[in-house]
Amino acid sequence: MTSRESILNQLREFLGEMFEIPPERVTAEARLYQDLDLDSIDAVDLVVRLQEVTGQRIRPEAFKAVRTVGDVVDCVEELLSVNAAARQ
């Protein structure tokens, strides 16, 4: 099982690679649009990347409620737990 901290660290890496956001700005409380300056296209790119990593399809309506980095961590954590349960 992947920990919340490792998911957050991976998000820091993705956001740095994809959008040149310094890792210290990527905190659980950071708001994607206001604090990290992401736009809707960036959010789509992030969803695609998360789908590749989790091996799960992310429904657009599930991601619409995501506002903070912590929300993204919750979403990924849920996908990974569904994935793990499916393997058992």
N, C-alpha and C. Protein backbone atom coordinates (compact mmCIF):
# COMPACT_ATOMS: atom_id res chain seq x y z
N MET A 1 0.85 -1.19 0.00
CA MET A 1 0.00 0.00 0.00
C MET A 1 0.89 1.25 0.00
N THR A 2 0.52 2.21 -0.79
CA THR A 2 1.27 3.45 -0.91
C THR A 2 0.79 4.44 0.14
N SER A 3 1.74 5.09 0.79
CA SER A 3 1.37 6.05 1.84
C SER A 3 1.01 7.40 1.24
N ARG A 4 0.29 8.17 2.02
CA ARG A 4 -0.09 9.52 1.60
C ARG A 4 1.16 10.36 1.31
N GLU A 5 2.18 10.17 2.14
CA GLU A 5 3.42 10.94 1.96
C GLU A 5 4.10 10.59 0.64
N SER A 6 4.11 9.32 0.28
CA SER A 6 4.76 8.94 -0.99
C SER A 6 3.94 9.43 -2.18
N ILE A 7 2.60 9.45 -2.04
CA ILE A 7 1.75 10.00 -3.11
C ILE A 7 2.04 11.49 -3.26
N LEU A 8 2.13 12.20 -2.14
CA LEU A 8 2.43 13.63 -2.17
C LEU A 8 3.79 13.89 -2.80
N ASN A 9 4.79 13.08 -2.45
CA ASN A 9 6.12 13.25 -3.04
C ASN A 9 6.09 13.01 -4.54
N GLN A 10 5.32 12.02 -4.97
CA GLN A 10 5.21 11.75 -6.40
C GLN A 10 4.50 12.91 -7.11
N LEU A 11 3.49 13.47 -6.46
CA LEU A 11 2.82 14.65 -7.04
C LEU A 11 3.78 15.83 -7.16
N ARG A 12 4.62 16.01 -6.15
CA ARG A 12 5.63 17.09 -6.22
C ARG A 12 6.51 16.90 -7.46
N GLU A 13 6.91 15.66 -7.67
CA GLU A 13 7.75 15.33 -8.82
C GLU A 13 7.02 15.62 -10.14
N PHE A 14 5.77 15.13 -10.25
CA PHE A 14 4.99 15.34 -11.48
C PHE A 14 4.78 16.82 -11.76
N LEU A 15 4.36 17.56 -10.73
CA LEU A 15 4.07 18.99 -10.92
C LEU A 15 5.34 19.77 -11.27
N GLY A 16 6.46 19.33 -10.73
CA GLY A 16 7.74 19.96 -11.09
C GLY A 16 8.11 19.67 -12.53
N GLU A 17 7.99 18.41 -12.93
CA GLU A 17 8.33 18.02 -14.31
C GLU A 17 7.39 18.67 -15.32
N MET A 18 6.09 18.59 -15.03
CA MET A 18 5.09 19.00 -16.01
C MET A 18 4.89 20.52 -16.08
N PHE A 19 4.97 21.19 -14.93
CA PHE A 19 4.60 22.61 -14.88
C PHE A 19 5.66 23.49 -14.23
N GLU A 20 6.83 22.93 -13.94
CA GLU A 20 7.95 23.66 -13.33
C GLU A 20 7.55 24.34 -12.02
N ILE A 21 6.76 23.63 -11.21
CA ILE A 21 6.37 24.14 -9.90
C ILE A 21 7.39 23.65 -8.88
N PRO A 22 8.02 24.56 -8.13
CA PRO A 22 8.99 24.15 -7.13
C PRO A 22 8.34 23.22 -6.09
N PRO A 23 9.02 22.14 -5.70
CA PRO A 23 8.43 21.16 -4.79
C PRO A 23 7.97 21.75 -3.46
N GLU A 24 8.65 22.78 -2.98
CA GLU A 24 8.25 23.35 -1.69
C GLU A 24 6.89 24.05 -1.75
N ARG A 25 6.41 24.39 -2.95
CA ARG A 25 5.07 25.00 -3.09
C ARG A 25 3.97 23.95 -3.08
N VAL A 26 4.34 22.69 -3.30
CA VAL A 26 3.35 21.61 -3.38
C VAL A 26 3.13 21.02 -1.99
N THR A 27 2.15 21.59 -1.30
CA THR A 27 1.77 21.11 0.03
C THR A 27 0.34 20.59 -0.05
N ALA A 28 -0.08 19.82 0.93
CA ALA A 28 -1.43 19.27 0.92
C ALA A 28 -2.48 20.39 0.88
N GLU A 29 -2.16 21.54 1.47
CA GLU A 29 -3.11 22.64 1.53
C GLU A 29 -3.11 23.51 0.27
N ALA A 30 -2.10 23.36 -0.58
CA ALA A 30 -1.98 24.22 -1.76
C ALA A 30 -3.16 24.00 -2.70
N ARG A 31 -3.78 25.12 -3.10
CA ARG A 31 -4.90 25.06 -4.04
C ARG A 31 -4.34 25.01 -5.46
N LEU A 32 -4.86 24.08 -6.24
CA LEU A 32 -4.32 23.85 -7.58
C LEU A 32 -4.39 25.09 -8.46
N TYR A 33 -5.54 25.74 -8.47
CA TYR A 33 -5.74 26.85 -9.40
C TYR A 33 -5.21 28.16 -8.85
N GLN A 34 -5.48 28.47 -7.58
CA GLN A 34 -5.07 29.75 -7.04
C GLN A 34 -3.59 29.76 -6.63
N ASP A 35 -3.15 28.74 -5.92
CA ASP A 35 -1.78 28.75 -5.38
C ASP A 35 -0.74 28.24 -6.38
N LEU A 36 -1.11 27.25 -7.18
CA LEU A 36 -0.12 26.65 -8.09
C LEU A 36 -0.31 27.11 -9.54
N ASP A 37 -1.29 27.97 -9.76
CA ASP A 37 -1.53 28.57 -11.08
C ASP A 37 -1.81 27.55 -12.18
N LEU A 38 -2.44 26.45 -11.84
CA LEU A 38 -2.83 25.49 -12.87
C LEU A 38 -4.12 25.98 -13.51
N ASP A 39 -4.32 25.60 -14.77
CA ASP A 39 -5.60 25.89 -15.42
C ASP A 39 -6.28 24.58 -15.77
N SER A 40 -7.43 24.65 -16.42
CA SER A 40 -8.19 23.43 -16.69
C SER A 40 -7.43 22.47 -17.61
N ILE A 41 -6.66 22.99 -18.55
CA ILE A 41 -5.86 22.14 -19.44
C ILE A 41 -4.78 21.41 -18.62
N ASP A 42 -4.15 22.14 -17.71
CA ASP A 42 -3.14 21.54 -16.83
C ASP A 42 -3.77 20.43 -16.00
N ALA A 43 -4.98 20.65 -15.51
CA ALA A 43 -5.68 19.64 -14.71
C ALA A 43 -5.92 18.39 -15.52
N VAL A 44 -6.29 18.55 -16.79
CA VAL A 44 -6.50 17.39 -17.67
C VAL A 44 -5.18 16.63 -17.84
N ASP A 45 -4.09 17.36 -18.06
CA ASP A 45 -2.78 16.72 -18.21
C ASP A 45 -2.41 15.94 -16.94
N LEU A 46 -2.71 16.53 -15.78
CA LEU A 46 -2.43 15.86 -14.51
C LEU A 46 -3.27 14.59 -14.37
N VAL A 47 -4.53 14.65 -14.75
CA VAL A 47 -5.41 13.48 -14.68
C VAL A 47 -4.86 12.36 -15.56
N VAL A 48 -4.43 12.70 -16.76
CA VAL A 48 -3.86 11.69 -17.67
C VAL A 48 -2.65 11.04 -17.03
N ARG A 49 -1.79 11.84 -16.43
CA ARG A 49 -0.59 11.30 -15.77
C ARG A 49 -0.96 10.39 -14.61
N LEU A 50 -1.95 10.81 -13.81
CA LEU A 50 -2.38 9.99 -12.67
C LEU A 50 -3.01 8.68 -13.13
N GLN A 51 -3.73 8.72 -14.24
CA GLN A 51 -4.32 7.49 -14.79
C GLN A 51 -3.22 6.51 -15.20
N GLU A 52 -2.16 7.03 -15.79
CA GLU A 52 -1.03 6.17 -16.19
C GLU A 52 -0.40 5.52 -14.97
N VAL A 53 -0.24 6.29 -13.90
CA VAL A 53 0.42 5.79 -12.70
C VAL A 53 -0.45 4.78 -11.95
N THR A 54 -1.74 5.09 -11.84
CA THR A 54 -2.62 4.22 -11.05
C THR A 54 -3.16 3.04 -11.84
N GLY A 55 -3.14 3.16 -13.16
CA GLY A 55 -3.73 2.11 -13.99
C GLY A 55 -5.25 2.12 -13.91
N GLN A 56 -5.82 3.20 -13.39
CA GLN A 56 -7.27 3.33 -13.24
C GLN A 56 -7.75 4.53 -14.04
N ARG A 57 -8.96 4.42 -14.57
CA ARG A 57 -9.57 5.56 -15.25
C ARG A 57 -10.14 6.49 -14.19
N ILE A 58 -9.88 7.77 -14.34
CA ILE A 58 -10.43 8.76 -13.42
C ILE A 58 -11.60 9.43 -14.12
N ARG A 59 -12.77 9.31 -13.53
CA ARG A 59 -13.95 9.92 -14.11
C ARG A 59 -13.85 11.44 -13.94
N PRO A 60 -14.12 12.20 -15.01
CA PRO A 60 -14.00 13.66 -14.92
C PRO A 60 -14.83 14.25 -13.78
N GLU A 61 -16.02 13.71 -13.55
CA GLU A 61 -16.85 14.26 -12.47
C GLU A 61 -16.23 14.01 -11.09
N ALA A 62 -15.44 12.95 -10.96
CA ALA A 62 -14.77 12.68 -9.69
C ALA A 62 -13.66 13.70 -9.44
N PHE A 63 -13.06 14.17 -10.51
CA PHE A 63 -11.93 15.10 -10.36
C PHE A 63 -12.40 16.55 -10.27
N LYS A 64 -13.65 16.83 -10.64
CA LYS A 64 -14.16 18.20 -10.57
C LYS A 64 -14.18 18.75 -9.15
N ALA A 65 -14.35 17.89 -8.17
CA ALA A 65 -14.40 18.32 -6.77
C ALA A 65 -13.01 18.59 -6.21
N VAL A 66 -11.98 18.23 -6.93
CA VAL A 66 -10.61 18.39 -6.46
C VAL A 66 -10.22 19.88 -6.52
N ARG A 67 -9.80 20.39 -5.39
CA ARG A 67 -9.39 21.80 -5.31
C ARG A 67 -7.96 21.96 -4.80
N THR A 68 -7.53 21.05 -3.95
CA THR A 68 -6.19 21.16 -3.35
C THR A 68 -5.34 19.95 -3.70
N VAL A 69 -4.06 20.08 -3.42
CA VAL A 69 -3.14 18.94 -3.60
C VAL A 69 -3.60 17.78 -2.71
N GLY A 70 -4.07 18.09 -1.51
CA GLY A 70 -4.57 17.05 -0.61
C GLY A 70 -5.74 16.30 -1.21
N ASP A 71 -6.62 17.01 -1.94
CA ASP A 71 -7.73 16.35 -2.63
C ASP A 71 -7.22 15.38 -3.69
N VAL A 72 -6.16 15.78 -4.39
CA VAL A 72 -5.56 14.89 -5.40
C VAL A 72 -5.00 13.64 -4.72
N VAL A 73 -4.33 13.82 -3.59
CA VAL A 73 -3.79 12.69 -2.83
C VAL A 73 -4.93 11.75 -2.44
N ASP A 74 -6.04 12.31 -1.95
CA ASP A 74 -7.20 11.49 -1.58
C ASP A 74 -7.71 10.69 -2.78
N CYS A 75 -7.80 11.34 -3.92
CA CYS A 75 -8.29 10.70 -5.14
C CYS A 75 -7.37 9.54 -5.55
N VAL A 76 -6.07 9.79 -5.55
CA VAL A 76 -5.11 8.75 -5.92
C VAL A 76 -5.14 7.61 -4.91
N GLU A 77 -5.22 7.94 -3.64
CA GLU A 77 -5.26 6.93 -2.59
C GLU A 77 -6.48 6.02 -2.78
N GLU A 78 -7.61 6.62 -3.10
CA GLU A 78 -8.83 5.86 -3.33
C GLU A 78 -8.69 4.94 -4.55
N LEU A 79 -8.11 5.47 -5.63
CA LEU A 79 -7.91 4.66 -6.84
C LEU A 79 -6.97 3.48 -6.57
N LEU A 80 -5.91 3.74 -5.81
CA LEU A 80 -4.97 2.67 -5.51
C LEU A 80 -5.59 1.61 -4.61
N SER A 81 -6.46 2.02 -3.67
CA SER A 81 -7.10 1.03 -2.81
C SER A 81 -8.10 0.20 -3.59
N VAL A 82 -8.79 0.81 -4.54
CA VAL A 82 -9.71 0.05 -5.41
C VAL A 82 -8.92 -0.93 -6.25
N ASN A 83 -7.79 -0.48 -6.76
CA ASN A 83 -6.92 -1.32 -7.57
C ASN A 83 -6.41 -2.51 -6.75
N ALA A 84 -6.00 -2.25 -5.50
CA ALA A 84 -5.50 -3.32 -4.63
C ALA A 84 -6.60 -4.30 -4.28
N ALA A 85 -7.80 -3.80 -4.02
CA ALA A 85 -8.92 -4.67 -3.68
C ALA A 85 -9.31 -5.55 -4.87
N ALA A 86 -9.19 -5.00 -6.07
CA ALA A 86 -9.54 -5.75 -7.27
C ALA A 86 -8.57 -6.92 -7.50
N ARG A 87 -7.34 -6.75 -7.03
CA ARG A 87 -6.34 -7.81 -7.22
C ARG A 87 -6.49 -8.95 -6.24
N GLN A 88 -7.24 -8.74 -5.17
CA GLN A 88 -7.37 -9.78 -4.13
C GLN A 88 -8.45 -10.76 -4.45
